[in-house]
Amino acid sequence: MFHTVSPLSNTKQTPKQTPDMKRLTVKSIENLKLDTSIAEQVKGKGSGTLFFKNRNGVIEAYYRYYHNKVRVMLKIGLFKVGNGSGFSLSDIREKALEYSQIKLQHPNLKEHFEYQEQQKIIQQKVLDSSGNFKEMLDSYINTLTNERTNKNVVHLFNHDIWEPFPELKLKKPADVDENDIIIILKKVFDRGVTTSGNRLRSYLSAAFNNAIKSTNDPLKQDKRFNVQRNPVMNIPKQPQFERIVERSLSREEVRHFFKHIDETKDVSFMVASLLKFLFYIGGQRPLQVLREGWDSYDYRKNTLLITDTKGRSGKREYLTPLTPKALDILNELPTHEMDFPFTTIGKVPLRIETLLKAIKKYCHQFEVESFTPRDIRRTVKNLMIDAGVNRESRNLIQNHGLTGIDFKHYDKHDHLPEKIAGMAKYDRFLDSILNDETDNVVQLITA
């Protein structure tokens, strides 16, 4: 390995005009006596001198030049004598010539080399403090506030990345390219998993975007990932694998559901009550309703306080009016001494999967087109439209994000009166559907 800076550097003296130095031979260098030196001119006018010195029986080679009338010695390395260690004369001459050429662009050669060494140290420190691909994905997972989404992402990353491709864990995120992502996704699609493949692509893209943001954020104190581009962006989403969810129950289907869900085999009273309850409270998101304990129900105001963790704005709370039919369902539940209204063991609420299975059993038993708990929300929205509930009230009831600067920055009101009025109109319409009287009610609403 060639060395750069010599301990003999920076001797203050004026460069002397010397005649052309003779070209050295291996023998003349080997015959150097202790503490003596010998030199030859490096090719090119003013290009410096190749300098050899016998120091304690070891011959050292230097590149010598002048900068601002100061002599500077840069150590090249040891001169090889016989079978000993060191560099040959030709290798040393080549390195001296290289130094002389660099000096044309950087006259203060020593300072230039010291700067390069400092940059190497800085770059190594950056590399040492930077996270790997596994840590990058873990950092993204830590940003997910929705518990269900968090668990889903953890499962996908473990099952579809770390288990089949453990070698990617320690790879630097900046070194992960399109080919790596394609291999990951192709393995998922090849085994017939379609929609989840698109979801995995979406989560990976979000993880890279999160890493880019943290890399460029001067206030971030955690690991840097040194990511400047998102390799997922160039990989297309597979639209043919996206299921278009637009199922909405007709009035007849709603009437049939209320009439027969209690008669469905292997569907408990508790589960049937919850499914009807979702209709009566304006189609709130099932998972959010399930998470709320009895302490979220206010019988004085007849409201349910729901904590919404969906979206990027973090947690927010909103009130949902409880209609008389919703209160009737709650009063009939045998769980008032437990933590949650809709539960079987008291300590934890029903699982969303239980609702999915119940609806599936109902659809199979009564030969009804399949739907999901999410479709109840869409159905209720359409029924509200038919009932004449205005758009703003519908959005308030279902906690859709209201647009406009007034709502975003100044409107912190719970809008309970507007919700109650809208829910009352919807409740009358739903009751007319269940009693097969919708035509008369629609005429009254629109009159």
Protein backbone atom coordinates (compact mmCIF):
# COMPACT_ATOMS: atom_id res chain seq x y z
CA MET A 1 0.00 0.00 0.00
CA PHE A 2 1.34 3.43 -0.95
CA HIS A 3 1.57 6.04 1.76
CA THR A 4 0.96 9.73 1.23
CA VAL A 5 2.19 12.18 3.86
CA SER A 6 5.79 11.99 5.07
CA PRO A 7 7.10 13.04 8.48
CA LEU A 8 9.72 15.08 6.54
CA SER A 9 7.07 17.41 5.10
CA ASN A 10 7.10 21.21 5.21
CA THR A 11 10.77 22.11 5.50
CA LYS A 12 11.00 25.87 4.83
CA GLN A 13 13.61 26.62 2.16
CA THR A 14 13.96 28.12 -1.26
CA PRO A 15 14.15 25.61 -4.11
CA LYS A 16 17.62 25.49 -5.67
CA GLN A 17 18.35 25.38 -9.37
CA THR A 18 19.96 21.98 -9.86
CA PRO A 19 21.28 20.39 -13.03
CA ASP A 20 19.35 17.50 -14.51
CA MET A 21 19.56 14.56 -12.21
CA LYS A 22 20.73 11.27 -13.63
CA ARG A 23 18.25 8.44 -13.89
CA LEU A 24 18.73 6.08 -10.98
CA THR A 25 19.34 2.35 -11.18
CA VAL A 26 18.21 -0.39 -8.81
CA LYS A 27 21.82 -1.04 -7.87
CA SER A 28 22.56 2.60 -7.05
CA ILE A 29 19.56 2.71 -4.73
CA GLU A 30 20.42 -0.62 -3.09
CA ASN A 31 23.96 0.64 -2.41
CA LEU A 32 22.74 3.65 -0.43
CA LYS A 33 24.66 3.96 2.84
CA LEU A 34 22.93 4.55 6.17
CA ASP A 35 21.35 8.03 6.49
CA THR A 36 22.27 8.99 2.90
CA SER A 37 19.87 9.86 0.07
CA ILE A 38 19.68 9.96 -3.68
CA ALA A 39 17.19 11.50 -6.10
CA GLU A 40 16.08 11.74 -9.72
CA GLN A 41 13.86 14.21 -11.56
CA VAL A 42 10.30 13.06 -12.26
CA LYS A 43 9.49 13.30 -15.97
CA GLY A 44 8.19 16.72 -16.95
CA LYS A 45 9.51 20.18 -16.19
CA GLY A 46 8.87 21.25 -12.60
CA SER A 47 7.14 17.98 -11.85
CA GLY A 48 8.98 17.24 -8.61
CA THR A 49 11.66 14.83 -7.54
CA LEU A 50 11.75 11.13 -6.73
CA PHE A 51 13.74 10.85 -3.52
CA PHE A 52 15.23 7.78 -1.77
CA LYS A 53 16.70 7.71 1.73
CA ASN A 54 18.31 4.90 3.75
CA ARG A 55 16.73 5.27 7.17
CA ASN A 56 17.91 2.78 9.78
CA GLY A 57 18.80 0.26 7.09
CA VAL A 58 15.45 0.56 5.31
CA ILE A 59 15.22 2.46 2.02
CA GLU A 60 12.19 4.74 1.81
CA ALA A 61 10.86 6.39 -1.35
CA TYR A 62 9.35 9.89 -1.40
CA TYR A 63 7.82 12.27 -3.87
CA ARG A 64 9.31 15.73 -3.23
CA TYR A 65 7.92 19.02 -4.50
CA TYR A 66 7.75 22.71 -3.54
CA HIS A 67 4.63 24.69 -2.73
CA ASN A 68 4.91 28.40 -1.93
CA LYS A 69 8.67 27.92 -1.49
CA VAL A 70 8.08 25.20 1.10
CA ARG A 71 9.53 21.76 0.46
CA VAL A 72 7.00 18.96 0.90
CA MET A 73 7.79 15.26 1.09
CA LEU A 74 5.11 12.68 0.39
CA LYS A 75 6.06 9.16 1.31
CA ILE A 76 5.41 6.62 -1.44
CA GLY A 77 6.56 3.50 0.38
CA LEU A 78 9.48 1.16 0.97
CA PHE A 79 11.90 0.31 -1.80
CA LYS A 80 12.12 -3.44 -2.36
CA VAL A 81 15.61 -4.85 -1.84
CA GLY A 82 16.15 -8.42 -3.02
CA ASN A 83 13.33 -10.65 -1.79
CA GLY A 84 12.25 -8.20 0.90
CA SER A 85 8.99 -6.33 1.12
CA GLY A 86 8.31 -3.09 -0.70
CA PHE A 87 7.78 -1.70 -4.17
CA SER A 88 9.90 -2.02 -7.27
CA LEU A 89 11.61 0.98 -8.83
CA SER A 90 9.20 0.97 -11.78
CA ASP A 91 6.16 0.96 -9.44
CA ILE A 92 7.61 3.83 -7.41
CA ARG A 93 8.35 5.85 -10.55
CA GLU A 94 4.78 5.25 -11.76
CA LYS A 95 3.36 6.49 -8.47
CA ALA A 96 5.64 9.57 -8.49
CA LEU A 97 4.48 10.36 -12.04
CA GLU A 98 0.87 10.01 -10.90
CA TYR A 99 1.53 12.45 -8.03
CA SER A 100 3.12 14.95 -10.41
CA GLN A 101 0.09 14.83 -12.71
CA ILE A 102 -2.33 15.34 -9.80
CA LYS A 103 -0.21 18.31 -8.67
CA LEU A 104 -0.98 20.09 -11.95
CA GLN A 105 -4.61 20.39 -10.78
CA HIS A 106 -3.87 20.56 -7.05
CA PRO A 107 -0.60 22.44 -6.40
CA ASN A 108 -0.89 21.85 -2.64
CA LEU A 109 -0.78 18.09 -3.07
CA LYS A 110 -0.43 17.27 0.60
CA GLU A 111 -3.53 19.30 1.52
CA HIS A 112 -5.43 17.62 -1.35
CA PHE A 113 -4.57 14.13 -0.06
CA GLU A 114 -5.44 15.07 3.52
CA TYR A 115 -8.83 16.35 2.33
CA GLN A 116 -9.45 13.06 0.49
CA GLU A 117 -8.62 11.10 3.61
CA GLN A 118 -11.03 13.22 5.64
CA GLN A 119 -13.78 12.62 3.09
CA LYS A 120 -13.18 8.87 3.28
CA ILE A 121 -13.52 9.01 7.05
CA ILE A 122 -16.75 11.02 6.78
CA GLN A 123 -18.18 8.65 4.17
CA GLN A 124 -17.31 5.66 6.32
CA LYS A 125 -19.03 7.25 9.31
CA VAL A 126 -22.13 7.82 7.17
CA LEU A 127 -22.07 4.19 6.05
CA ASP A 128 -21.59 2.99 9.61
CA SER A 129 -24.58 5.02 10.82
CA SER A 130 -26.86 4.11 7.91
CA GLY A 131 -29.53 1.46 8.28
CA ASN A 132 -30.05 -1.68 6.21
CA PHE A 133 -33.10 -2.69 4.18
CA LYS A 134 -34.69 -4.52 7.13
CA GLU A 135 -34.27 -1.48 9.36
CA MET A 136 -35.73 0.74 6.65
CA LEU A 137 -38.89 -1.36 6.42
CA ASP A 138 -39.13 -1.55 10.22
CA SER A 139 -38.88 2.23 10.35
CA TYR A 140 -41.84 2.49 7.96
CA ILE A 141 -43.87 0.00 10.02
CA ASN A 142 -43.33 2.18 13.11
CA THR A 143 -45.09 5.07 11.32
CA LEU A 144 -48.31 3.07 10.87
CA THR A 145 -50.80 4.11 13.53
CA ASN A 146 -53.60 1.82 12.39
CA GLU A 147 -53.17 -1.44 14.31
CA ARG A 148 -54.81 -3.58 11.64
CA THR A 149 -52.71 -2.11 8.84
CA ASN A 150 -49.59 -2.48 10.96
CA LYS A 151 -50.20 -6.20 11.50
CA ASN A 152 -51.00 -6.73 7.83
CA VAL A 153 -47.79 -5.04 6.69
CA VAL A 154 -45.68 -6.98 9.20
CA HIS A 155 -47.19 -10.24 7.94
CA LEU A 156 -46.60 -9.37 4.27
CA PHE A 157 -42.99 -8.31 4.84
CA ASN A 158 -42.18 -11.42 6.88
CA HIS A 159 -43.96 -13.89 4.60
CA ASP A 160 -43.09 -12.40 1.20
CA ILE A 161 -39.69 -10.77 1.75
CA TRP A 162 -37.70 -11.99 4.74
CA GLU A 163 -38.66 -15.67 4.60
CA PRO A 164 -37.97 -16.21 0.87
CA PHE A 165 -35.17 -13.60 0.60
CA PRO A 166 -33.30 -13.39 3.93
CA GLU A 167 -30.17 -12.14 2.15
CA LEU A 168 -31.92 -8.81 1.50
CA LYS A 169 -32.05 -7.93 5.21
CA LEU A 170 -28.53 -6.51 5.43
CA LYS A 171 -28.51 -4.92 1.98
CA LYS A 172 -28.23 -1.14 1.97
CA PRO A 173 -31.55 0.46 0.94
CA ALA A 174 -29.80 2.58 -1.70
CA ASP A 175 -28.52 -0.66 -3.29
CA VAL A 176 -32.00 -2.19 -3.55
CA ASP A 177 -33.03 -1.73 -7.18
CA GLU A 178 -35.90 -2.55 -9.52
CA ASN A 179 -34.66 -6.10 -10.08
CA ASP A 180 -34.88 -6.86 -6.36
CA ILE A 181 -38.46 -5.56 -6.19
CA ILE A 182 -39.49 -7.42 -9.36
CA ILE A 183 -38.13 -10.71 -7.96
CA ILE A 184 -40.06 -10.20 -4.70
CA LEU A 185 -43.35 -9.37 -6.44
CA LYS A 186 -43.00 -12.03 -9.12
CA LYS A 187 -42.73 -14.75 -6.48
CA VAL A 188 -45.96 -13.49 -4.91
CA PHE A 189 -47.85 -13.34 -8.22
CA ASP A 190 -46.48 -16.71 -9.34
CA ARG A 191 -48.13 -18.48 -6.44
CA GLY A 192 -51.48 -16.98 -7.38
CA VAL A 193 -51.64 -14.21 -4.79
CA THR A 194 -52.86 -11.23 -6.77
CA THR A 195 -54.46 -8.46 -4.72
CA SER A 196 -51.93 -8.90 -1.89
CA GLY A 197 -49.17 -8.60 -4.48
CA ASN A 198 -50.40 -5.13 -5.37
CA ARG A 199 -50.71 -4.28 -1.68
CA LEU A 200 -47.11 -5.40 -1.09
CA ARG A 201 -45.95 -3.18 -3.95
CA SER A 202 -47.84 -0.25 -2.44
CA TYR A 203 -46.35 -0.79 1.03
CA LEU A 204 -42.81 -1.09 -0.38
CA SER A 205 -43.26 2.13 -2.32
CA ALA A 206 -44.50 3.90 0.81
CA ALA A 207 -41.52 2.55 2.77
CA PHE A 208 -39.05 3.99 0.26
CA ASN A 209 -40.86 7.33 0.24
CA ASN A 210 -40.67 7.39 4.03
CA ALA A 211 -36.93 6.63 3.87
CA ILE A 212 -36.35 9.42 1.33
CA LYS A 213 -38.19 11.86 3.57
CA SER A 214 -36.20 10.88 6.66
CA THR A 215 -32.91 10.92 4.72
CA ASN A 216 -33.47 14.53 3.66
CA ASP A 217 -34.92 15.69 6.98
CA PRO A 218 -32.24 17.48 9.07
CA LEU A 219 -34.27 16.98 12.25
CA LYS A 220 -34.31 13.20 12.01
CA GLN A 221 -32.11 11.70 14.71
CA ASP A 222 -32.62 8.01 13.96
CA LYS A 223 -30.78 5.94 11.38
CA ARG A 224 -30.20 7.44 7.96
CA PHE A 225 -30.97 5.30 4.95
CA ASN A 226 -29.30 7.48 2.28
CA VAL A 227 -32.12 6.82 -0.17
CA GLN A 228 -32.59 9.36 -2.97
CA ARG A 229 -34.89 7.43 -5.32
CA ASN A 230 -37.81 5.03 -5.10
CA PRO A 231 -37.15 1.89 -7.22
CA VAL A 232 -40.79 0.78 -6.86
CA MET A 233 -42.06 3.77 -8.85
CA ASN A 234 -40.88 2.26 -12.14
CA ILE A 235 -42.70 -1.03 -11.50
CA PRO A 236 -46.33 -0.87 -12.67
CA LYS A 237 -49.28 -1.82 -10.51
CA GLN A 238 -51.27 -4.76 -11.86
CA PRO A 239 -54.79 -3.30 -12.31
CA GLN A 240 -56.24 -6.64 -13.44
CA PHE A 241 -55.70 -7.96 -9.92
CA GLU A 242 -57.61 -5.16 -8.22
CA ARG A 243 -61.07 -6.14 -7.11
CA ILE A 244 -63.56 -3.34 -7.77
CA VAL A 245 -65.74 -3.11 -4.67
CA GLU A 246 -69.05 -1.44 -5.51
CA ARG A 247 -71.55 -3.76 -3.86
CA SER A 248 -74.54 -2.01 -2.37
CA LEU A 249 -77.62 -3.81 -1.10
CA SER A 250 -80.96 -2.91 -2.61
CA ARG A 251 -83.94 -2.00 -0.43
CA GLU A 252 -85.35 -5.48 -0.90
CA GLU A 253 -82.01 -7.02 0.11
CA VAL A 254 -81.87 -4.85 3.23
CA ARG A 255 -85.39 -5.90 4.18
CA HIS A 256 -84.55 -9.57 3.60
CA PHE A 257 -81.35 -9.29 5.63
CA PHE A 258 -83.10 -7.85 8.70
CA LYS A 259 -85.81 -10.46 8.47
CA HIS A 260 -83.54 -13.51 8.14
CA ILE A 261 -80.12 -12.78 9.70
CA ASP A 262 -81.43 -14.02 13.08
CA GLU A 263 -82.52 -17.26 11.39
CA THR A 264 -79.10 -17.95 9.85
CA LYS A 265 -77.58 -21.21 11.04
CA ASP A 266 -74.52 -20.84 13.33
CA VAL A 267 -74.87 -17.05 13.56
CA SER A 268 -75.24 -15.97 17.17
CA PHE A 269 -77.66 -13.39 18.57
CA MET A 270 -74.65 -11.21 19.42
CA VAL A 271 -73.30 -11.16 15.86
CA ALA A 272 -76.73 -10.67 14.28
CA SER A 273 -77.39 -7.76 16.66
CA LEU A 274 -74.11 -6.09 15.73
CA LEU A 275 -74.79 -6.36 11.98
CA LYS A 276 -78.20 -4.69 12.42
CA PHE A 277 -76.64 -2.14 14.80
CA LEU A 278 -74.27 -1.02 12.01
CA PHE A 279 -77.29 -0.08 9.89
CA TYR A 280 -78.94 1.81 12.73
CA ILE A 281 -75.87 3.96 13.53
CA GLY A 282 -75.35 5.23 10.00
CA GLY A 283 -72.94 2.64 8.57
CA GLN A 284 -69.96 3.38 10.82
CA ARG A 285 -66.79 1.39 10.15
CA PRO A 286 -67.23 -2.03 11.84
CA LEU A 287 -63.68 -2.25 13.18
CA GLN A 288 -63.93 1.15 14.83
CA VAL A 289 -67.27 0.26 16.43
CA LEU A 290 -65.92 -3.05 17.73
CA ARG A 291 -62.97 -1.33 19.42
CA GLU A 292 -65.18 0.92 21.56
CA GLY A 293 -66.03 -0.26 25.08
CA TRP A 294 -69.08 0.57 27.12
CA ASP A 295 -67.37 3.71 28.41
CA SER A 296 -67.70 5.21 24.91
CA TYR A 297 -71.53 5.08 25.09
CA ASP A 298 -73.28 8.08 26.61
CA TYR A 299 -76.90 7.28 27.56
CA ARG A 300 -77.52 10.86 28.66
CA LYS A 301 -76.79 12.28 25.22
CA ASN A 302 -77.54 9.01 23.38
CA THR A 303 -74.22 9.06 21.55
CA LEU A 304 -71.32 6.78 20.77
CA LEU A 305 -67.83 8.31 20.85
CA ILE A 306 -65.67 6.68 18.15
CA THR A 307 -61.90 7.07 17.88
CA ASP A 308 -60.86 7.16 14.25
CA THR A 309 -57.27 6.12 13.48
CA LYS A 310 -57.78 5.89 9.73
CA GLY A 311 -55.75 8.26 7.54
CA ARG A 312 -52.57 10.31 8.02
CA SER A 313 -53.87 12.91 10.43
CA GLY A 314 -53.57 10.63 13.45
CA LYS A 315 -56.30 9.85 15.98
CA ARG A 316 -59.47 11.91 16.03
CA GLU A 317 -62.73 11.43 17.91
CA TYR A 318 -66.26 11.97 16.64
CA LEU A 319 -69.75 11.48 18.03
CA THR A 320 -72.40 9.25 16.45
CA PRO A 321 -76.06 9.66 17.45
CA LEU A 322 -77.80 6.55 18.78
CA THR A 323 -81.27 6.15 17.32
CA PRO A 324 -84.07 4.51 19.37
CA LYS A 325 -83.62 1.26 17.41
CA ALA A 326 -79.87 1.31 18.10
CA LEU A 327 -80.56 1.83 21.82
CA ASP A 328 -83.01 -1.08 21.79
CA ILE A 329 -80.29 -3.36 20.44
CA LEU A 330 -77.83 -2.21 23.11
CA ASN A 331 -80.37 -2.70 25.90
CA GLU A 332 -80.96 -6.31 24.83
CA LEU A 333 -77.28 -7.24 24.98
CA PRO A 334 -76.20 -9.51 27.88
CA THR A 335 -72.79 -7.82 28.15
CA HIS A 336 -73.45 -4.74 30.29
CA GLU A 337 -71.15 -6.03 33.04
CA MET A 338 -68.34 -6.68 30.57
CA ASP A 339 -65.80 -4.35 28.98
CA PHE A 340 -67.27 -4.38 25.48
CA PRO A 341 -70.86 -4.44 24.21
CA PHE A 342 -70.21 -6.85 21.35
CA THR A 343 -68.11 -9.59 22.87
CA THR A 344 -68.31 -13.25 23.81
CA ILE A 345 -65.67 -13.44 26.55
CA GLY A 346 -65.81 -9.86 27.86
CA LYS A 347 -62.14 -8.88 27.71
CA VAL A 348 -61.85 -8.50 23.92
CA PRO A 349 -64.43 -7.49 21.31
CA LEU A 350 -65.66 -9.65 18.46
CA ARG A 351 -63.29 -10.02 15.54
CA ILE A 352 -64.10 -8.54 12.15
CA GLU A 353 -63.55 -12.03 10.71
CA THR A 354 -66.55 -13.22 12.73
CA LEU A 355 -68.76 -10.73 10.90
CA LEU A 356 -67.38 -11.82 7.54
CA LYS A 357 -68.15 -15.47 8.30
CA ALA A 358 -71.65 -14.62 9.52
CA ILE A 359 -72.50 -12.72 6.34
CA LYS A 360 -71.04 -15.52 4.25
CA LYS A 361 -73.24 -18.06 6.04
CA TYR A 362 -76.31 -15.85 5.54
CA CYS A 363 -75.59 -15.40 1.81
CA HIS A 364 -75.02 -19.13 1.35
CA GLN A 365 -78.10 -20.23 3.28
CA PHE A 366 -80.52 -17.83 1.59
CA GLU A 367 -78.79 -17.74 -1.83
CA VAL A 368 -78.04 -14.03 -1.65
CA GLU A 369 -75.30 -12.30 -3.65
CA SER A 370 -72.25 -12.08 -1.41
CA PHE A 371 -71.27 -8.88 0.37
CA THR A 372 -69.01 -7.79 3.23
CA PRO A 373 -69.36 -5.62 6.35
CA ARG A 374 -67.76 -2.81 4.36
CA ASP A 375 -70.67 -2.92 1.92
CA ILE A 376 -73.07 -2.06 4.76
CA ARG A 377 -71.41 1.36 4.97
CA ARG A 378 -71.88 1.93 1.23
CA THR A 379 -75.47 0.69 1.40
CA VAL A 380 -76.31 3.08 4.23
CA LYS A 381 -74.82 5.99 2.28
CA ASN A 382 -77.05 5.22 -0.69
CA LEU A 383 -80.08 4.87 1.56
CA MET A 384 -79.32 8.29 3.06
CA ILE A 385 -79.25 9.75 -0.44
CA ASP A 386 -82.64 8.16 -1.16
CA ALA A 387 -83.92 9.50 2.17
CA GLY A 388 -82.98 13.04 1.16
CA VAL A 389 -80.14 13.53 3.68
CA ASN A 390 -77.91 16.25 2.22
CA ARG A 391 -74.30 15.59 1.33
CA GLU A 392 -72.78 17.57 4.20
CA SER A 393 -74.88 15.73 6.78
CA ARG A 394 -74.02 12.38 5.21
CA ASN A 395 -70.33 13.16 5.42
CA LEU A 396 -70.66 14.31 9.01
CA ILE A 397 -72.50 11.13 10.01
CA GLN A 398 -70.01 8.79 8.34
CA ASN A 399 -67.01 10.89 9.38
CA HIS A 400 -65.78 11.57 5.89
CA GLY A 401 -63.09 14.25 5.70
CA LEU A 402 -64.72 17.61 5.09
CA THR A 403 -62.81 19.80 2.68
CA GLY A 404 -62.07 23.49 2.82
CA ILE A 405 -59.85 25.62 5.02
CA ASP A 406 -62.70 26.41 7.42
CA PHE A 407 -63.16 22.74 8.30
CA LYS A 408 -59.44 22.03 8.45
CA HIS A 409 -58.32 24.86 10.70
CA TYR A 410 -61.30 26.43 12.44
CA ASP A 411 -64.28 24.07 12.59
CA LYS A 412 -63.75 21.87 15.68
CA HIS A 413 -67.49 21.51 16.46
CA ASP A 414 -68.94 17.99 16.73
CA HIS A 415 -72.00 19.03 14.60
CA LEU A 416 -74.21 16.81 16.72
CA PRO A 417 -77.49 18.67 15.92
CA GLU A 418 -76.91 18.27 12.17
CA LYS A 419 -76.05 14.60 12.65
CA ILE A 420 -79.15 13.97 14.76
CA ALA A 421 -81.38 15.63 12.16
CA GLY A 422 -79.82 13.65 9.32
CA MET A 423 -79.97 10.38 11.27
CA ALA A 424 -83.63 10.97 12.14
CA LYS A 425 -84.49 11.38 8.47
CA TYR A 426 -82.48 8.28 7.54
CA ASP A 427 -83.95 6.26 10.44
CA ARG A 428 -87.51 6.98 9.29
CA PHE A 429 -86.58 5.91 5.79
CA LEU A 430 -84.90 2.69 7.01
CA ASP A 431 -87.94 1.90 9.13
CA SER A 432 -90.16 2.35 6.08
CA ILE A 433 -87.97 -0.07 4.12
CA LEU A 434 -88.22 -2.72 6.81
CA ASN A 435 -92.01 -2.22 6.86
CA ASP A 436 -92.16 -2.11 3.04
CA GLU A 437 -93.53 1.47 3.03
CA THR A 438 -90.76 3.31 1.19
CA ASP A 439 -92.93 4.79 -1.57
CA ASN A 440 -95.09 6.72 0.89
CA VAL A 441 -92.08 7.92 2.88
CA VAL A 442 -90.25 9.15 -0.21
CA GLN A 443 -93.31 11.18 -1.20
CA LEU A 444 -93.43 12.72 2.28
CA ILE A 445 -89.71 13.58 2.21
CA THR A 446 -89.78 15.16 -1.22
CA ALA A 447 -93.11 16.94 -0.74
